[in-house]
Every structure is written in structure tokens, then in C-alpha cells.
Amino acid sequence: MTNIQSTVLKSSIGSEAKKLRTSLGLTQEELARNTEFSAKDVSLLERDMPLPMDRRLNILHELWVREVHSKSWSIFRPLL
């Protein structure tokens, strides 16, 4: 992978994380509250700034879990 490809991939992770967070109706503070990290860490991730990998993965995992949960419940909404 070239440096340009690496940069494009890296930058898309932060912007996609922000899109997902906002689509879930979460603030940076609300997302941080559900992880062991701070809103500053969420901001660093979304701006593609340096952030230790464990923090990055934990925040992304929390977003993924929330997205899966919201989509799984949407399947049953027509039945309620």
C-alpha cells in the first residue's frame, strides 16, 4: 500500500466514524460515556489525529455495537 492509499484509508475511518455517530444521534460526550475514554479521544479519532490503537478500536467497537443494535430493532418496529 502506498502512502497516499494509506492516508486516504486512514482519513476515511475518522470521517466515517463521525457520520455513524451523528446518524445514531450521539454527541462525542455521549459516545465517550459508553467507553473508558474521553470526548477528546472521540474528537481525535474523528479528525484522524494520533490516538493509541486500543482507544481507536474501543470507540469504533462501541459505534459498531450501537449500529447493529439500532438496525436489529428496526426489523421488529413494523410488528410493534
N, C-alpha and C. Protein backbone atom coordinates (compact mmCIF):
# COMPACT_ATOMS: atom_id res chain seq x y z
N MET A 1 0.85 -1.18 0.00
CA MET A 1 0.00 0.00 0.00
C MET A 1 0.89 1.23 0.00
N THR A 2 0.58 2.16 -0.86
CA THR A 2 1.38 3.39 -0.94
C THR A 2 0.99 4.33 0.19
N ASN A 3 1.81 5.34 0.41
CA ASN A 3 1.50 6.33 1.45
C ASN A 3 0.19 7.06 1.16
N ILE A 4 -0.07 7.32 -0.12
CA ILE A 4 -1.31 8.01 -0.49
C ILE A 4 -2.51 7.13 -0.16
N GLN A 5 -2.45 5.85 -0.52
CA GLN A 5 -3.55 4.94 -0.21
C GLN A 5 -3.74 4.82 1.29
N SER A 6 -2.67 4.73 2.02
CA SER A 6 -2.74 4.63 3.47
C SER A 6 -3.39 5.87 4.07
N THR A 7 -3.04 7.04 3.57
CA THR A 7 -3.60 8.30 4.07
C THR A 7 -5.10 8.38 3.77
N VAL A 8 -5.49 8.00 2.57
CA VAL A 8 -6.90 8.03 2.18
C VAL A 8 -7.70 7.08 3.06
N LEU A 9 -7.20 5.87 3.26
CA LEU A 9 -7.89 4.89 4.09
C LEU A 9 -8.00 5.39 5.52
N LYS A 10 -6.92 5.91 6.06
CA LYS A 10 -6.91 6.41 7.43
C LYS A 10 -7.89 7.56 7.60
N SER A 11 -7.89 8.49 6.67
CA SER A 11 -8.76 9.64 6.81
C SER A 11 -10.22 9.26 6.68
N SER A 12 -10.52 8.24 5.93
CA SER A 12 -11.92 7.85 5.78
C SER A 12 -12.46 7.19 7.05
N ILE A 13 -11.61 6.60 7.86
CA ILE A 13 -12.07 5.97 9.09
C ILE A 13 -12.64 7.02 10.04
N GLY A 14 -11.94 8.11 10.23
CA GLY A 14 -12.42 9.17 11.12
C GLY A 14 -13.70 9.80 10.63
N SER A 15 -13.76 10.10 9.34
CA SER A 15 -14.97 10.73 8.81
C SER A 15 -16.15 9.77 8.83
N GLU A 16 -15.91 8.50 8.58
CA GLU A 16 -16.99 7.52 8.64
C GLU A 16 -17.46 7.31 10.08
N ALA A 17 -16.54 7.34 11.02
CA ALA A 17 -16.92 7.22 12.43
C ALA A 17 -17.81 8.39 12.84
N LYS A 18 -17.46 9.59 12.38
CA LYS A 18 -18.28 10.76 12.71
C LYS A 18 -19.66 10.66 12.07
N LYS A 19 -19.73 10.23 10.82
CA LYS A 19 -21.02 10.06 10.15
C LYS A 19 -21.89 9.06 10.91
N LEU A 20 -21.29 7.96 11.32
CA LEU A 20 -22.04 6.93 12.04
C LEU A 20 -22.51 7.46 13.39
N ARG A 21 -21.63 8.14 14.11
CA ARG A 21 -22.01 8.69 15.42
C ARG A 21 -23.17 9.65 15.29
N THR A 22 -23.10 10.56 14.31
CA THR A 22 -24.18 11.53 14.16
C THR A 22 -25.46 10.87 13.67
N SER A 23 -25.35 9.84 12.83
CA SER A 23 -26.56 9.14 12.36
C SER A 23 -27.24 8.40 13.51
N LEU A 24 -26.48 8.03 14.52
CA LEU A 24 -27.04 7.38 15.70
C LEU A 24 -27.57 8.39 16.71
N GLY A 25 -27.39 9.67 16.41
CA GLY A 25 -27.89 10.73 17.28
C GLY A 25 -27.07 10.91 18.55
N LEU A 26 -25.79 10.58 18.48
CA LEU A 26 -24.91 10.69 19.66
C LEU A 26 -23.99 11.89 19.56
N THR A 27 -23.74 12.52 20.69
CA THR A 27 -22.70 13.54 20.76
C THR A 27 -21.38 12.82 21.06
N GLN A 28 -20.29 13.52 20.92
CA GLN A 28 -18.99 12.95 21.28
C GLN A 28 -18.98 12.58 22.76
N GLU A 29 -19.59 13.40 23.58
CA GLU A 29 -19.63 13.15 25.03
C GLU A 29 -20.44 11.89 25.35
N GLU A 30 -21.57 11.72 24.66
CA GLU A 30 -22.40 10.53 24.91
C GLU A 30 -21.67 9.26 24.49
N LEU A 31 -21.00 9.30 23.36
CA LEU A 31 -20.23 8.14 22.92
C LEU A 31 -19.11 7.85 23.90
N ALA A 32 -18.42 8.87 24.33
CA ALA A 32 -17.30 8.69 25.26
C ALA A 32 -17.78 8.10 26.59
N ARG A 33 -18.95 8.49 27.02
CA ARG A 33 -19.51 8.00 28.29
C ARG A 33 -19.65 6.47 28.28
N ASN A 34 -19.83 5.88 27.11
CA ASN A 34 -20.01 4.44 27.00
C ASN A 34 -18.71 3.70 26.75
N THR A 35 -17.62 4.43 26.72
CA THR A 35 -16.29 3.82 26.59
C THR A 35 -15.48 4.26 27.80
N GLU A 36 -14.31 3.74 27.92
CA GLU A 36 -13.46 4.15 29.04
C GLU A 36 -12.59 5.36 28.69
N PHE A 37 -12.93 6.01 27.60
CA PHE A 37 -12.13 7.13 27.12
C PHE A 37 -12.92 8.42 27.14
N SER A 38 -12.29 9.50 26.70
CA SER A 38 -12.91 10.83 26.80
C SER A 38 -13.47 11.31 25.47
N ALA A 39 -14.24 12.38 25.55
CA ALA A 39 -14.76 13.03 24.34
C ALA A 39 -13.60 13.55 23.49
N LYS A 40 -12.52 13.93 24.14
CA LYS A 40 -11.33 14.37 23.40
C LYS A 40 -10.79 13.23 22.53
N ASP A 41 -10.82 12.00 23.07
CA ASP A 41 -10.38 10.84 22.29
C ASP A 41 -11.28 10.63 21.07
N VAL A 42 -12.59 10.78 21.26
CA VAL A 42 -13.53 10.63 20.15
C VAL A 42 -13.22 11.70 19.09
N SER A 43 -12.97 12.92 19.54
CA SER A 43 -12.63 14.00 18.63
C SER A 43 -11.34 13.70 17.86
N LEU A 44 -10.35 13.20 18.56
CA LEU A 44 -9.08 12.86 17.89
C LEU A 44 -9.30 11.79 16.82
N LEU A 45 -10.09 10.79 17.13
CA LEU A 45 -10.39 9.73 16.17
C LEU A 45 -11.07 10.31 14.93
N GLU A 46 -12.09 11.13 15.16
CA GLU A 46 -12.86 11.68 14.04
C GLU A 46 -12.05 12.64 13.18
N ARG A 47 -11.04 13.24 13.76
CA ARG A 47 -10.18 14.16 12.99
C ARG A 47 -8.92 13.48 12.49
N ASP A 48 -8.86 12.14 12.65
CA ASP A 48 -7.72 11.35 12.19
C ASP A 48 -6.40 11.79 12.78
N MET A 49 -6.47 12.21 14.03
CA MET A 49 -5.27 12.60 14.75
C MET A 49 -4.70 11.35 15.44
N PRO A 50 -3.43 11.41 15.84
CA PRO A 50 -2.84 10.25 16.52
C PRO A 50 -3.62 9.87 17.78
N LEU A 51 -3.89 8.59 17.91
CA LEU A 51 -4.63 8.05 19.04
C LEU A 51 -4.20 6.61 19.21
N PRO A 52 -3.88 6.18 20.44
CA PRO A 52 -3.46 4.79 20.62
C PRO A 52 -4.50 3.81 20.06
N MET A 53 -4.00 2.73 19.49
CA MET A 53 -4.87 1.78 18.81
C MET A 53 -5.95 1.20 19.71
N ASP A 54 -5.66 0.95 21.00
CA ASP A 54 -6.69 0.39 21.88
C ASP A 54 -7.87 1.36 22.03
N ARG A 55 -7.58 2.63 22.11
CA ARG A 55 -8.65 3.64 22.21
C ARG A 55 -9.44 3.71 20.91
N ARG A 56 -8.72 3.74 19.81
CA ARG A 56 -9.36 3.79 18.49
C ARG A 56 -10.32 2.61 18.31
N LEU A 57 -9.83 1.41 18.60
CA LEU A 57 -10.64 0.21 18.42
C LEU A 57 -11.83 0.17 19.37
N ASN A 58 -11.64 0.61 20.59
CA ASN A 58 -12.72 0.61 21.57
C ASN A 58 -13.85 1.53 21.13
N ILE A 59 -13.52 2.70 20.66
CA ILE A 59 -14.53 3.66 20.21
C ILE A 59 -15.25 3.13 18.97
N LEU A 60 -14.50 2.60 18.01
CA LEU A 60 -15.10 2.04 16.81
C LEU A 60 -16.00 0.85 17.15
N HIS A 61 -15.58 0.04 18.09
CA HIS A 61 -16.38 -1.11 18.51
C HIS A 61 -17.71 -0.64 19.10
N GLU A 62 -17.66 0.36 19.96
CA GLU A 62 -18.89 0.90 20.56
C GLU A 62 -19.84 1.41 19.47
N LEU A 63 -19.31 2.10 18.48
CA LEU A 63 -20.15 2.58 17.38
C LEU A 63 -20.77 1.41 16.62
N TRP A 64 -19.98 0.39 16.35
CA TRP A 64 -20.46 -0.77 15.61
C TRP A 64 -21.58 -1.48 16.38
N VAL A 65 -21.37 -1.68 17.68
CA VAL A 65 -22.38 -2.34 18.50
C VAL A 65 -23.68 -1.54 18.49
N ARG A 66 -23.58 -0.25 18.62
CA ARG A 66 -24.79 0.60 18.62
C ARG A 66 -25.49 0.55 17.26
N GLU A 67 -24.71 0.54 16.17
CA GLU A 67 -25.33 0.47 14.85
C GLU A 67 -26.06 -0.86 14.67
N VAL A 68 -25.42 -1.96 15.03
CA VAL A 68 -26.05 -3.27 14.90
C VAL A 68 -27.31 -3.33 15.74
N HIS A 69 -27.23 -2.83 16.95
CA HIS A 69 -28.39 -2.84 17.84
C HIS A 69 -29.54 -2.02 17.25
N SER A 70 -29.25 -0.84 16.73
CA SER A 70 -30.31 0.01 16.18
C SER A 70 -30.93 -0.63 14.94
N LYS A 71 -30.11 -1.29 14.12
CA LYS A 71 -30.64 -1.93 12.92
C LYS A 71 -31.43 -3.19 13.26
N SER A 72 -31.00 -3.92 14.27
CA SER A 72 -31.72 -5.14 14.62
C SER A 72 -33.10 -4.81 15.16
N TRP A 73 -33.23 -3.74 15.93
CA TRP A 73 -34.55 -3.35 16.44
C TRP A 73 -35.43 -2.79 15.34
N SER A 74 -34.84 -2.18 14.32
CA SER A 74 -35.66 -1.61 13.26
C SER A 74 -36.39 -2.70 12.47
N ILE A 75 -35.87 -3.91 12.48
CA ILE A 75 -36.53 -5.02 11.81
C ILE A 75 -37.89 -5.30 12.45
N PHE A 76 -37.96 -5.15 13.78
CA PHE A 76 -39.18 -5.50 14.51
C PHE A 76 -40.16 -4.35 14.65
N ARG A 77 -39.76 -3.14 14.33
CA ARG A 77 -40.66 -1.98 14.52
C ARG A 77 -41.99 -2.12 13.80
N PRO A 78 -42.01 -2.65 12.55
CA PRO A 78 -43.32 -2.79 11.88
C PRO A 78 -44.26 -3.75 12.63
N LEU A 79 -43.73 -4.65 13.42
CA LEU A 79 -44.54 -5.62 14.14
C LEU A 79 -45.11 -5.06 15.42
N LEU A 80 -44.53 -3.97 15.92
CA LEU A 80 -44.98 -3.43 17.21
C LEU A 80 -46.20 -2.55 17.07
